[in-house]
């Protein structure tokens, strides 16, 4: 295991050292190091803190045994984003490499949906760690070294144990560059905002674009988690053909779930981009966008039960114009 771990780490460190700042973390890297990290951590432990400690011991022992790559990798774990990438890849492997994909309009609709504080306690992740593919061109963060905004390609979403024993939210959102946006150990209500005084060790200065991206990404993550619970809204992975013996890649196979079978009422992509980049919404001649929202609704005998429903974003025009709103129950 240690020799395999050393080779995987060497490949990762070598790739990260090339073409900086144009190259950073990728989904392929997370898939590459996932199995050996899992083998040294979550294979033996279900507790996150214990798994992390076991991994550190394995790396230390390998380094003391003469493995310089293990020593270099151990040093990188002092950087928060490397910790998330490493532990996250191991936990992702432990969960079976699930990933969720969705279309541009569906993703934008979830980003344009407000989440009331009363809804937050009901949000549960479908897995303790999963990968979320971000549709191209929807989310961006500022790269000061490159002097431009770069697209967020995907996010590794995690629910890990905090030192107080509670499960906290975290994610690692990566781009095609060395830049990434990450949050860790957050309660749901804190995940959507980045305070001006928030410490960002080993990171670039946070911009208004970064803060808006963090808010929209959290809305997307929570929206995906809640929409995933609706029956019939998810297309599961295709069963592998037993006659297909030859693997097409050396990388582990992701279990891909496609979210969003229902037709999205309104196209919110432009509104999302306007908000992301701080532009004032264009003055519409006919309609204005009303933000969607999640709400808790009483039901059952004496209204003793609660269910979460999604009011999709919709375009509202003059008083005599029809309102295209769609109500969807996502949890009972």
C-alpha atoms as a PDB file:
ATOM      1  CA  UNK A   1       0.000   0.000   0.000  1.00  0.00           C
ATOM      2  CA  UNK A   2       2.743   2.465   0.898  1.00  0.00           C
ATOM      3  CA  UNK A   3       4.580   1.984  -2.391  1.00  0.00           C
ATOM      4  CA  UNK A   4       1.313   2.568  -4.260  1.00  0.00           C
ATOM      5  CA  UNK A   5       0.600   5.603  -2.089  1.00  0.00           C
ATOM      6  CA  UNK A   6       4.077   6.949  -2.799  1.00  0.00           C
ATOM      7  CA  UNK A   7       3.662   6.577  -6.557  1.00  0.00           C
ATOM      8  CA  UNK A   8       0.239   8.230  -6.529  1.00  0.00           C
ATOM      9  CA  UNK A   9       1.551  11.099  -4.413  1.00  0.00           C
ATOM     10  CA  UNK A  10       4.571  11.529  -6.644  1.00  0.00           C
ATOM     11  CA  UNK A  11       2.363  11.791  -9.720  1.00  0.00           C
ATOM     12  CA  UNK A  12       0.122  14.325  -8.008  1.00  0.00           C
ATOM     13  CA  UNK A  13       2.973  16.478  -6.751  1.00  0.00           C
ATOM     14  CA  UNK A  14       4.668  16.328 -10.139  1.00  0.00           C
ATOM     15  CA  UNK A  15       1.494  17.435 -11.924  1.00  0.00           C
ATOM     16  CA  UNK A  16       0.895  20.224  -9.407  1.00  0.00           C
ATOM     17  CA  UNK A  17       4.411  21.491  -9.998  1.00  0.00           C
ATOM     18  CA  UNK A  18       3.898  21.902 -13.718  1.00  0.00           C
ATOM     19  CA  UNK A  19       2.743  25.074 -15.399  1.00  0.00           C
ATOM     20  CA  UNK A  20       1.777  26.891 -12.209  1.00  0.00           C
ATOM     21  CA  UNK A  21      -0.440  28.890 -11.901  1.00  0.00           C
ATOM     22  CA  UNK A  22      -2.268  27.331 -14.861  1.00  0.00           C
ATOM     23  CA  UNK A  23      -2.591  23.887 -13.280  1.00  0.00           C
ATOM     24  CA  UNK A  24      -4.212  22.868 -10.015  1.00  0.00           C
ATOM     25  CA  UNK A  25      -6.469  20.220  -8.534  1.00  0.00           C
ATOM     26  CA  UNK A  26      -8.610  18.216 -10.957  1.00  0.00           C
ATOM     27  CA  UNK A  27     -11.221  15.513 -10.630  1.00  0.00           C
ATOM     28  CA  UNK A  28      -8.751  13.066 -12.174  1.00  0.00           C
ATOM     29  CA  UNK A  29      -6.237  13.821  -9.396  1.00  0.00           C
ATOM     30  CA  UNK A  30      -8.872  13.212  -6.729  1.00  0.00           C
ATOM     31  CA  UNK A  31      -9.777   9.914  -8.371  1.00  0.00           C
ATOM     32  CA  UNK A  32      -6.104   8.959  -8.622  1.00  0.00           C
ATOM     33  CA  UNK A  33      -5.190   9.467  -4.989  1.00  0.00           C
ATOM     34  CA  UNK A  34      -8.569   8.404  -3.584  1.00  0.00           C
ATOM     35  CA  UNK A  35      -7.961   4.629  -3.350  1.00  0.00           C
ATOM     36  CA  UNK A  36      -4.488   4.756  -1.734  1.00  0.00           C
ATOM     37  CA  UNK A  37      -5.606   7.498   0.681  1.00  0.00           C
ATOM     38  CA  UNK A  38      -8.668   5.419   1.570  1.00  0.00           C
ATOM     39  CA  UNK A  39      -6.462   2.367   2.053  1.00  0.00           C
ATOM     40  CA  UNK A  40      -4.386   4.271   4.618  1.00  0.00           C
ATOM     41  CA  UNK A  41      -7.320   5.918   6.405  1.00  0.00           C
ATOM     42  CA  UNK A  42     -11.028   5.193   5.940  1.00  0.00           C
ATOM     43  CA  UNK A  43     -10.417   1.550   5.200  1.00  0.00           C
ATOM     44  CA  UNK A  44      -9.643   1.141   8.900  1.00  0.00           C
ATOM     45  CA  UNK A  45     -11.636   3.989  10.471  1.00  0.00           C
ATOM     46  CA  UNK A  46     -15.173   5.338  10.095  1.00  0.00           C
ATOM     47  CA  UNK A  47     -14.492   8.416  12.218  1.00  0.00           C
ATOM     48  CA  UNK A  48     -13.047  11.349  10.244  1.00  0.00           C
ATOM     49  CA  UNK A  49     -10.623  12.475  12.929  1.00  0.00           C
ATOM     50  CA  UNK A  50      -9.359   8.937  13.482  1.00  0.00           C
ATOM     51  CA  UNK A  51      -8.990   8.409   9.711  1.00  0.00           C
ATOM     52  CA  UNK A  52      -6.977  11.630   9.427  1.00  0.00           C
ATOM     53  CA  UNK A  53      -4.713  10.582  12.291  1.00  0.00           C
ATOM     54  CA  UNK A  54      -4.141   7.141  10.783  1.00  0.00           C
ATOM     55  CA  UNK A  55      -3.188   8.731   7.443  1.00  0.00           C
ATOM     56  CA  UNK A  56      -0.698  11.038   9.141  1.00  0.00           C
ATOM     57  CA  UNK A  57       0.879   8.079  10.937  1.00  0.00           C
ATOM     58  CA  UNK A  58       1.180   6.147   7.676  1.00  0.00           C
ATOM     59  CA  UNK A  59       2.859   9.079   5.929  1.00  0.00           C
ATOM     60  CA  UNK A  60       5.185   9.700   8.871  1.00  0.00           C
ATOM     61  CA  UNK A  61       6.218   6.042   9.045  1.00  0.00           C
ATOM     62  CA  UNK A  62       6.841   5.966   5.291  1.00  0.00           C
ATOM     63  CA  UNK A  63       8.943   9.133   5.512  1.00  0.00           C
ATOM     64  CA  UNK A  64      10.988   7.763   8.421  1.00  0.00           C
ATOM     65  CA  UNK A  65      11.471   4.645   6.345  1.00  0.00           C
ATOM     66  CA  UNK A  66      13.154   6.685   3.609  1.00  0.00           C
ATOM     67  CA  UNK A  67      10.194   7.673   1.393  1.00  0.00           C
ATOM     68  CA  UNK A  68      10.930  11.320   0.543  1.00  0.00           C
ATOM     69  CA  UNK A  69       7.701  11.614  -1.453  1.00  0.00           C
ATOM     70  CA  UNK A  70       5.715  10.751   1.669  1.00  0.00           C
ATOM     71  CA  UNK A  71       7.615  13.484   3.508  1.00  0.00           C
ATOM     72  CA  UNK A  72       6.841  16.034   0.805  1.00  0.00           C
ATOM     73  CA  UNK A  73       3.201  15.040   0.820  1.00  0.00           C
ATOM     74  CA  UNK A  74       3.097  15.237   4.607  1.00  0.00           C
ATOM     75  CA  UNK A  75       4.391  18.811   4.379  1.00  0.00           C
ATOM     76  CA  UNK A  76       1.683  19.810   1.881  1.00  0.00           C
ATOM     77  CA  UNK A  77      -0.980  18.729   4.372  1.00  0.00           C
ATOM     78  CA  UNK A  78      -0.189  21.859   6.382  1.00  0.00           C
ATOM     79  CA  UNK A  79      -2.077  23.738   3.646  1.00  0.00           C
ATOM     80  CA  UNK A  80      -5.872  23.649   4.209  1.00  0.00           C
ATOM     81  CA  UNK A  81      -6.780  23.052   0.566  1.00  0.00           C
ATOM     82  CA  UNK A  82      -4.396  20.070   0.425  1.00  0.00           C
ATOM     83  CA  UNK A  83      -5.968  18.651   3.576  1.00  0.00           C
ATOM     84  CA  UNK A  84      -9.413  18.881   1.995  1.00  0.00           C
ATOM     85  CA  UNK A  85      -8.242  17.380  -1.293  1.00  0.00           C
ATOM     86  CA  UNK A  86      -6.494  14.505   0.477  1.00  0.00           C
ATOM     87  CA  UNK A  87      -9.068  13.582   3.107  1.00  0.00           C
ATOM     88  CA  UNK A  88     -11.921  14.368   0.722  1.00  0.00           C
ATOM     89  CA  UNK A  89     -10.557  12.022  -1.936  1.00  0.00           C
ATOM     90  CA  UNK A  90     -10.296   9.218   0.637  1.00  0.00           C
ATOM     91  CA  UNK A  91     -13.837   9.772   1.912  1.00  0.00           C
ATOM     92  CA  UNK A  92     -15.143  10.050  -1.665  1.00  0.00           C
ATOM     93  CA  UNK A  93     -13.562   6.664  -2.382  1.00  0.00           C
ATOM     94  CA  UNK A  94     -15.126   5.273   0.796  1.00  0.00           C
ATOM     95  CA  UNK A  95     -18.572   6.347  -0.448  1.00  0.00           C
ATOM     96  CA  UNK A  96     -18.027   4.681  -3.829  1.00  0.00           C
ATOM     97  CA  UNK A  97     -17.168   7.783  -5.918  1.00  0.00           C
ATOM     98  CA  UNK A  98     -20.718   9.152  -6.370  1.00  0.00           C
ATOM     99  CA  UNK A  99     -21.167  12.255  -8.493  1.00  0.00           C
ATOM    100  CA  UNK A 100     -24.182  14.368  -9.441  1.00  0.00           C
ATOM    101  CA  UNK A 101     -24.628  16.172 -12.738  1.00  0.00           C
ATOM    102  CA  UNK A 102     -27.373  18.553 -13.814  1.00  0.00           C
ATOM    103  CA  UNK A 103     -28.175  20.895 -16.682  1.00  0.00           C
ATOM    104  CA  UNK A 104     -27.383  24.596 -16.953  1.00  0.00           C
ATOM    105  CA  UNK A 105     -30.984  25.790 -16.530  1.00  0.00           C
ATOM    106  CA  UNK A 106     -31.686  23.486 -13.612  1.00  0.00           C
ATOM    107  CA  UNK A 107     -28.474  24.543 -11.847  1.00  0.00           C
ATOM    108  CA  UNK A 108     -29.196  28.251 -12.421  1.00  0.00           C
ATOM    109  CA  UNK A 109     -32.733  27.778 -11.131  1.00  0.00           C
ATOM    110  CA  UNK A 110     -31.400  26.273  -7.891  1.00  0.00           C
ATOM    111  CA  UNK A 111     -28.883  29.123  -7.563  1.00  0.00           C
ATOM    112  CA  UNK A 112     -31.735  31.624  -7.922  1.00  0.00           C
ATOM    113  CA  UNK A 113     -33.607  29.927  -5.076  1.00  0.00           C
ATOM    114  CA  UNK A 114     -33.492  31.387  -1.578  1.00  0.00           C
ATOM    115  CA  UNK A 115     -33.212  29.062   1.412  1.00  0.00           C
ATOM    116  CA  UNK A 116     -35.102  30.067   4.528  1.00  0.00           C
ATOM    117  CA  UNK A 117     -33.421  29.451   7.920  1.00  0.00           C
ATOM    118  CA  UNK A 118     -36.338  27.188   8.865  1.00  0.00           C
ATOM    119  CA  UNK A 119     -35.418  24.841   6.007  1.00  0.00           C
ATOM    120  CA  UNK A 120     -31.736  24.425   6.866  1.00  0.00           C
ATOM    121  CA  UNK A 121     -32.218  21.775   9.603  1.00  0.00           C
ATOM    122  CA  UNK A 122     -33.916  19.503   7.057  1.00  0.00           C
ATOM    123  CA  UNK A 123     -31.013  19.444   4.610  1.00  0.00           C
ATOM    124  CA  UNK A 124     -29.124  16.170   4.442  1.00  0.00           C
ATOM    125  CA  UNK A 125     -26.460  15.124   1.956  1.00  0.00           C
ATOM    126  CA  UNK A 126     -27.172  11.948  -0.065  1.00  0.00           C
ATOM    127  CA  UNK A 127     -23.632  10.769   0.787  1.00  0.00           C
ATOM    128  CA  UNK A 128     -21.016  11.953   3.258  1.00  0.00           C
ATOM    129  CA  UNK A 129     -18.901  12.952   0.267  1.00  0.00           C
ATOM    130  CA  UNK A 130     -19.863  13.390  -3.377  1.00  0.00           C
ATOM    131  CA  UNK A 131     -18.656  15.227  -6.459  1.00  0.00           C
ATOM    132  CA  UNK A 132     -20.854  17.889  -8.038  1.00  0.00           C
ATOM    133  CA  UNK A 133     -20.228  18.775 -11.670  1.00  0.00           C
ATOM    134  CA  UNK A 134     -20.716  22.530 -12.215  1.00  0.00           C
ATOM    135  CA  UNK A 135     -22.189  23.389 -15.644  1.00  0.00           C
ATOM    136  CA  UNK A 136     -19.700  25.420 -17.691  1.00  0.00           C
ATOM    137  CA  UNK A 137     -19.835  29.204 -17.506  1.00  0.00           C
ATOM    138  CA  UNK A 138     -22.145  29.534 -14.493  1.00  0.00           C
ATOM    139  CA  UNK A 139     -19.728  30.143 -11.606  1.00  0.00           C
ATOM    140  CA  UNK A 140     -16.399  31.962 -11.583  1.00  0.00           C
ATOM    141  CA  UNK A 141     -13.779  33.111  -9.068  1.00  0.00           C
ATOM    142  CA  UNK A 142     -11.089  35.771  -9.412  1.00  0.00           C
ATOM    143  CA  UNK A 143      -7.521  34.697 -10.256  1.00  0.00           C
ATOM    144  CA  UNK A 144      -5.257  37.637  -9.459  1.00  0.00           C
ATOM    145  CA  UNK A 145      -2.101  36.029 -10.847  1.00  0.00           C
ATOM    146  CA  UNK A 146      -3.720  35.340 -14.203  1.00  0.00           C
ATOM    147  CA  UNK A 147      -5.579  38.650 -14.125  1.00  0.00           C
ATOM    148  CA  UNK A 148      -8.965  37.164 -14.983  1.00  0.00           C
ATOM    149  CA  UNK A 149     -11.929  35.232 -13.652  1.00  0.00           C
ATOM    150  CA  UNK A 150     -11.790  31.453 -14.072  1.00  0.00           C
ATOM    151  CA  UNK A 151     -14.679  28.985 -14.309  1.00  0.00           C
ATOM    152  CA  UNK A 152     -15.478  26.651 -11.419  1.00  0.00           C
ATOM    153  CA  UNK A 153     -15.463  23.164 -12.931  1.00  0.00           C
ATOM    154  CA  UNK A 154     -16.622  21.026 -10.033  1.00  0.00           C
ATOM    155  CA  UNK A 155     -16.871  20.712  -6.276  1.00  0.00           C
ATOM    156  CA  UNK A 156     -16.140  17.905  -3.849  1.00  0.00           C
ATOM    157  CA  UNK A 157     -18.848  18.258  -1.188  1.00  0.00           C
ATOM    158  CA  UNK A 158     -18.172  16.820   2.277  1.00  0.00           C
ATOM    159  CA  UNK A 159     -19.970  16.231   5.573  1.00  0.00           C
ATOM    160  CA  UNK A 160     -17.220  15.615   8.099  1.00  0.00           C
ATOM    161  CA  UNK A 161     -17.129  15.314  11.858  1.00  0.00           C
ATOM    162  CA  UNK A 162     -16.183  18.454  13.757  1.00  0.00           C
ATOM    163  CA  UNK A 163     -14.198  18.419  16.991  1.00  0.00           C
ATOM    164  CA  UNK A 164     -17.474  19.056  18.866  1.00  0.00           C
ATOM    165  CA  UNK A 165     -18.886  15.825  17.433  1.00  0.00           C
ATOM    166  CA  UNK A 166     -21.336  17.428  14.997  1.00  0.00           C
ATOM    167  CA  UNK A 167     -21.296  16.913  11.244  1.00  0.00           C
ATOM    168  CA  UNK A 168     -20.269  20.090   9.431  1.00  0.00           C
ATOM    169  CA  UNK A 169     -20.392  21.073   5.764  1.00  0.00           C
ATOM    170  CA  UNK A 170     -17.379  21.629   3.567  1.00  0.00           C
ATOM    171  CA  UNK A 171     -16.437  21.722  -0.087  1.00  0.00           C
ATOM    172  CA  UNK A 172     -13.475  22.056  -2.394  1.00  0.00           C
ATOM    173  CA  UNK A 173     -14.425  23.869  -5.591  1.00  0.00           C
ATOM    174  CA  UNK A 174     -11.707  23.711  -8.242  1.00  0.00           C
ATOM    175  CA  UNK A 175     -11.011  25.400 -11.569  1.00  0.00           C
ATOM    176  CA  UNK A 176      -8.792  24.735 -14.583  1.00  0.00           C
ATOM    177  CA  UNK A 177      -6.105  26.809 -12.857  1.00  0.00           C
ATOM    178  CA  UNK A 178      -4.268  26.441  -9.556  1.00  0.00           C
ATOM    179  CA  UNK A 179      -6.999  28.487  -7.857  1.00  0.00           C
ATOM    180  CA  UNK A 180      -9.720  26.894  -5.759  1.00  0.00           C
ATOM    181  CA  UNK A 181     -12.423  28.006  -3.355  1.00  0.00           C
ATOM    182  CA  UNK A 182     -12.882  25.959  -0.213  1.00  0.00           C
ATOM    183  CA  UNK A 183     -14.905  26.038   3.004  1.00  0.00           C
ATOM    184  CA  UNK A 184     -14.695  23.550   5.823  1.00  0.00           C
ATOM    185  CA  UNK A 185     -16.259  22.891   9.222  1.00  0.00           C
ATOM    186  CA  UNK A 186     -19.226  25.144   8.485  1.00  0.00           C
ATOM    187  CA  UNK A 187     -22.744  24.999   9.805  1.00  0.00           C
ATOM    188  CA  UNK A 188     -25.348  25.269   7.058  1.00  0.00           C
ATOM    189  CA  UNK A 189     -26.208  28.900   7.822  1.00  0.00           C
ATOM    190  CA  UNK A 190     -22.537  29.913   7.572  1.00  0.00           C
ATOM    191  CA  UNK A 191     -21.717  28.074   4.362  1.00  0.00           C
ATOM    192  CA  UNK A 192     -23.335  30.651   2.072  1.00  0.00           C
ATOM    193  CA  UNK A 193     -21.375  33.699   3.177  1.00  0.00           C
ATOM    194  CA  UNK A 194     -17.730  34.713   3.409  1.00  0.00           C
ATOM    195  CA  UNK A 195     -17.079  37.457   5.931  1.00  0.00           C
ATOM    196  CA  UNK A 196     -14.664  40.268   5.152  1.00  0.00           C
ATOM    197  CA  UNK A 197     -12.592  39.361   8.203  1.00  0.00           C
ATOM    198  CA  UNK A 198     -12.533  35.630   7.472  1.00  0.00           C
ATOM    199  CA  UNK A 199      -8.990  34.300   7.525  1.00  0.00           C
ATOM    200  CA  UNK A 200      -7.789  32.715   4.322  1.00  0.00           C
ATOM    201  CA  UNK A 201      -4.436  31.073   5.106  1.00  0.00           C
ATOM    202  CA  UNK A 202      -2.185  30.347   2.148  1.00  0.00           C
ATOM    203  CA  UNK A 203      -4.816  31.843  -0.151  1.00  0.00           C
ATOM    204  CA  UNK A 204      -5.339  34.857  -2.374  1.00  0.00           C
ATOM    205  CA  UNK A 205      -7.290  37.906  -1.308  1.00  0.00           C
ATOM    206  CA  UNK A 206     -11.025  37.252  -1.414  1.00  0.00           C
ATOM    207  CA  UNK A 207     -12.979  39.460  -3.790  1.00  0.00           C
ATOM    208  CA  UNK A 208     -16.646  40.360  -4.084  1.00  0.00           C
ATOM    209  CA  UNK A 209     -16.851  37.881  -6.960  1.00  0.00           C
ATOM    210  CA  UNK A 210     -15.533  35.130  -4.666  1.00  0.00           C
ATOM    211  CA  UNK A 211     -18.120  35.938  -1.995  1.00  0.00           C
ATOM    212  CA  UNK A 212     -20.993  35.910  -4.468  1.00  0.00           C
ATOM    213  CA  UNK A 213     -19.716  32.671  -5.949  1.00  0.00           C
ATOM    214  CA  UNK A 214     -19.614  31.106  -2.466  1.00  0.00           C
ATOM    215  CA  UNK A 215     -23.220  32.118  -1.845  1.00  0.00           C
ATOM    216  CA  UNK A 216     -24.455  30.733  -5.170  1.00  0.00           C
ATOM    217  CA  UNK A 217     -22.434  27.543  -4.789  1.00  0.00           C
ATOM    218  CA  UNK A 218     -23.915  26.914  -1.328  1.00  0.00           C
ATOM    219  CA  UNK A 219     -27.409  27.477  -2.716  1.00  0.00           C
ATOM    220  CA  UNK A 220     -26.627  24.976  -5.470  1.00  0.00           C
ATOM    221  CA  UNK A 221     -25.238  22.381  -3.036  1.00  0.00           C
ATOM    222  CA  UNK A 222     -28.203  22.651  -0.674  1.00  0.00           C
ATOM    223  CA  UNK A 223     -30.669  22.725  -3.556  1.00  0.00           C
ATOM    224  CA  UNK A 224     -29.118  19.603  -5.052  1.00  0.00           C
ATOM    225  CA  UNK A 225     -29.275  17.802  -1.693  1.00  0.00           C
ATOM    226  CA  UNK A 226     -32.962  18.602  -1.251  1.00  0.00           C
ATOM    227  CA  UNK A 227     -33.970  18.019  -4.875  1.00  0.00           C
ATOM    228  CA  UNK A 228     -32.210  14.645  -4.766  1.00  0.00           C
ATOM    229  CA  UNK A 229     -34.795  13.406  -2.247  1.00  0.00           C
ATOM    230  CA  UNK A 230     -37.702  13.789  -4.679  1.00  0.00           C
ATOM    231  CA  UNK A 231     -38.834  10.486  -6.092  1.00  0.00           C
ATOM    232  CA  UNK A 232     -38.400  10.266  -9.843  1.00  0.00           C
ATOM    233  CA  UNK A 233     -36.139  13.320 -10.034  1.00  0.00           C
ATOM    234  CA  UNK A 234     -32.891  11.335 -10.298  1.00  0.00           C
ATOM    235  CA  UNK A 235     -31.592   9.139 -13.098  1.00  0.00           C
ATOM    236  CA  UNK A 236     -29.318   6.509 -11.483  1.00  0.00           C
ATOM    237  CA  UNK A 237     -26.083   5.205 -13.025  1.00  0.00           C
ATOM    238  CA  UNK A 238     -26.374   2.738 -15.861  1.00  0.00           C
ATOM    239  CA  UNK A 239     -25.629  -0.840 -15.015  1.00  0.00           C
ATOM    240  CA  UNK A 240     -22.324  -1.986 -16.424  1.00  0.00           C
ATOM    241  CA  UNK A 241     -22.556  -4.608 -19.150  1.00  0.00           C
ATOM    242  CA  UNK A 242     -21.128  -7.858 -17.694  1.00  0.00           C
ATOM    243  CA  UNK A 243     -19.636  -8.730 -21.086  1.00  0.00           C
ATOM    244  CA  UNK A 244     -17.600  -5.514 -21.010  1.00  0.00           C
ATOM    245  CA  UNK A 245     -14.498  -6.871 -19.305  1.00  0.00           C
ATOM    246  CA  UNK A 246     -11.919  -4.375 -20.518  1.00  0.00           C
ATOM    247  CA  UNK A 247     -11.739  -1.119 -18.595  1.00  0.00           C
ATOM    248  CA  UNK A 248     -11.439   2.061 -20.650  1.00  0.00           C
ATOM    249  CA  UNK A 249      -9.402   3.885 -18.000  1.00  0.00           C
ATOM    250  CA  UNK A 250      -7.105   3.134 -15.074  1.00  0.00           C
ATOM    251  CA  UNK A 251      -9.065   5.650 -12.977  1.00  0.00           C
ATOM    252  CA  UNK A 252     -11.866   4.467 -10.684  1.00  0.00           C
ATOM    253  CA  UNK A 253     -15.339   4.654 -12.194  1.00  0.00           C
ATOM    254  CA  UNK A 254     -17.657   7.358 -10.867  1.00  0.00           C
ATOM    255  CA  UNK A 255     -21.260   6.478 -10.124  1.00  0.00           C
ATOM    256  CA  UNK A 256     -23.016   9.297 -11.975  1.00  0.00           C
ATOM    257  CA  UNK A 257     -26.513  10.421 -10.954  1.00  0.00           C
ATOM    258  CA  UNK A 258     -28.315  12.867 -13.248  1.00  0.00           C
ATOM    259  CA  UNK A 259     -30.542  15.287 -11.363  1.00  0.00           C
ATOM    260  CA  UNK A 260     -33.581  17.119 -12.665  1.00  0.00           C
ATOM    261  CA  UNK A 261     -36.135  15.275 -14.789  1.00  0.00           C
ATOM    262  CA  UNK A 262     -38.758  18.023 -14.572  1.00  0.00           C
ATOM    263  CA  UNK A 263     -38.799  20.857 -17.071  1.00  0.00           C
ATOM    264  CA  UNK A 264     -37.468  24.095 -15.582  1.00  0.00           C
ATOM    265  CA  UNK A 265     -40.029  26.869 -15.871  1.00  0.00           C
ATOM    266  CA  UNK A 266     -37.663  29.837 -16.268  1.00  0.00           C
ATOM    267  CA  UNK A 267     -34.165  30.387 -17.602  1.00  0.00           C
ATOM    268  CA  UNK A 268     -32.287  32.121 -14.774  1.00  0.00           C
ATOM    269  CA  UNK A 269     -28.774  31.856 -16.211  1.00  0.00           C
ATOM    270  CA  UNK A 270     -28.385  35.496 -17.176  1.00  0.00           C
ATOM    271  CA  UNK A 271     -29.793  36.652 -13.837  1.00  0.00           C
ATOM    272  CA  UNK A 272     -27.303  34.416 -12.025  1.00  0.00           C
ATOM    273  CA  UNK A 273     -24.383  35.812 -14.051  1.00  0.00           C
ATOM    274  CA  UNK A 274     -25.552  39.386 -13.422  1.00  0.00           C
ATOM    275  CA  UNK A 275     -25.626  38.786  -9.686  1.00  0.00           C
ATOM    276  CA  UNK A 276     -22.334  36.909  -9.685  1.00  0.00           C
ATOM    277  CA  UNK A 277     -20.474  39.773 -11.351  1.00  0.00           C
ATOM    278  CA  UNK A 278     -22.226  42.514  -9.358  1.00  0.00           C
ATOM    279  CA  UNK A 279     -23.995  43.983 -12.361  1.00  0.00           C
ATOM    280  CA  UNK A 280     -27.337  45.653 -11.836  1.00  0.00           C
ATOM    281  CA  UNK A 281     -30.130  43.608 -13.322  1.00  0.00           C
ATOM    282  CA  UNK A 282     -31.129  44.887 -16.716  1.00  0.00           C
ATOM    283  CA  UNK A 283     -34.388  46.824 -16.588  1.00  0.00           C
ATOM    284  CA  UNK A 284     -36.841  44.371 -18.153  1.00  0.00           C
ATOM    285  CA  UNK A 285     -39.551  45.740 -20.391  1.00  0.00           C
ATOM    286  CA  UNK A 286     -42.085  43.038 -19.654  1.00  0.00           C
ATOM    287  CA  UNK A 287     -41.061  40.806 -16.778  1.00  0.00           C
ATOM    288  CA  UNK A 288     -38.915  40.687 -13.665  1.00  0.00           C
ATOM    289  CA  UNK A 289     -37.390  37.630 -12.031  1.00  0.00           C
ATOM    290  CA  UNK A 290     -38.889  36.521  -8.734  1.00  0.00           C
ATOM    291  CA  UNK A 291     -36.437  34.397  -6.758  1.00  0.00           C
ATOM    292  CA  UNK A 292     -37.440  30.860  -6.003  1.00  0.00           C
ATOM    293  CA  UNK A 293     -37.405  29.638  -2.452  1.00  0.00           C
ATOM    294  CA  UNK A 294     -37.603  26.574  -0.274  1.00  0.00           C
ATOM    295  CA  UNK A 295     -40.283  26.631   2.401  1.00  0.00           C
ATOM    296  CA  UNK A 296     -41.486  24.417   5.214  1.00  0.00           C
ATOM    297  CA  UNK A 297     -45.197  23.648   4.937  1.00  0.00           C
ATOM    298  CA  UNK A 298     -47.439  22.113   7.579  1.00  0.00           C
ATOM    299  CA  UNK A 299     -49.559  19.087   6.624  1.00  0.00           C
ATOM    300  CA  UNK A 300     -51.282  16.071   8.115  1.00  0.00           C
ATOM    301  CA  UNK A 301     -53.650  15.828  11.054  1.00  0.00           C
ATOM    302  CA  UNK A 302     -53.775  19.086  12.998  1.00  0.00           C
ATOM    303  CA  UNK A 303     -50.882  20.301  10.780  1.00  0.00           C
ATOM    304  CA  UNK A 304     -48.508  18.305  12.956  1.00  0.00           C
ATOM    305  CA  UNK A 305     -46.103  17.285  10.181  1.00  0.00           C
ATOM    306  CA  UNK A 306     -43.752  19.261   7.954  1.00  0.00           C
ATOM    307  CA  UNK A 307     -42.643  18.910   4.362  1.00  0.00           C
ATOM    308  CA  UNK A 308     -40.250  20.991   2.288  1.00  0.00           C
ATOM    309  CA  UNK A 309     -41.531  22.345  -1.012  1.00  0.00           C
ATOM    310  CA  UNK A 310     -39.682  24.190  -3.754  1.00  0.00           C
ATOM    311  CA  UNK A 311     -41.202  27.243  -5.399  1.00  0.00           C
ATOM    312  CA  UNK A 312     -39.248  27.595  -8.632  1.00  0.00           C
ATOM    313  CA  UNK A 313     -37.974  31.016  -9.706  1.00  0.00           C
ATOM    314  CA  UNK A 314     -40.365  32.610 -12.169  1.00  0.00           C
ATOM    315  CA  UNK A 315     -40.748  35.666 -14.358  1.00  0.00           C
ATOM    316  CA  UNK A 316     -43.503  38.073 -13.277  1.00  0.00           C
ATOM    317  CA  UNK A 317     -44.937  40.666 -15.614  1.00  0.00           C
ATOM    318  CA  UNK A 318     -47.875  43.094 -15.525  1.00  0.00           C
ATOM    319  CA  UNK A 319     -50.730  42.434 -13.116  1.00  0.00           C
ATOM    320  CA  UNK A 320     -52.850  40.823 -15.829  1.00  0.00           C
ATOM    321  CA  UNK A 321     -49.990  38.607 -17.083  1.00  0.00           C
ATOM    322  CA  UNK A 322     -49.893  34.925 -16.142  1.00  0.00           C
ATOM    323  CA  UNK A 323     -47.370  33.782 -13.527  1.00  0.00           C
ATOM    324  CA  UNK A 324     -45.445  30.639 -14.478  1.00  0.00           C
ATOM    325  CA  UNK A 325     -44.715  29.211 -11.050  1.00  0.00           C
ATOM    326  CA  UNK A 326     -44.185  25.544 -10.286  1.00  0.00           C
ATOM    327  CA  UNK A 327     -44.541  24.011  -6.828  1.00  0.00           C
ATOM    328  CA  UNK A 328     -42.689  20.767  -6.139  1.00  0.00           C
ATOM    329  CA  UNK A 329     -42.668  18.667  -2.995  1.00  0.00           C
ATOM    330  CA  UNK A 330     -39.169  17.350  -2.324  1.00  0.00           C
ATOM    331  CA  UNK A 331     -39.358  15.911   1.192  1.00  0.00           C
ATOM    332  CA  UNK A 332     -42.062  14.510   3.426  1.00  0.00           C
END
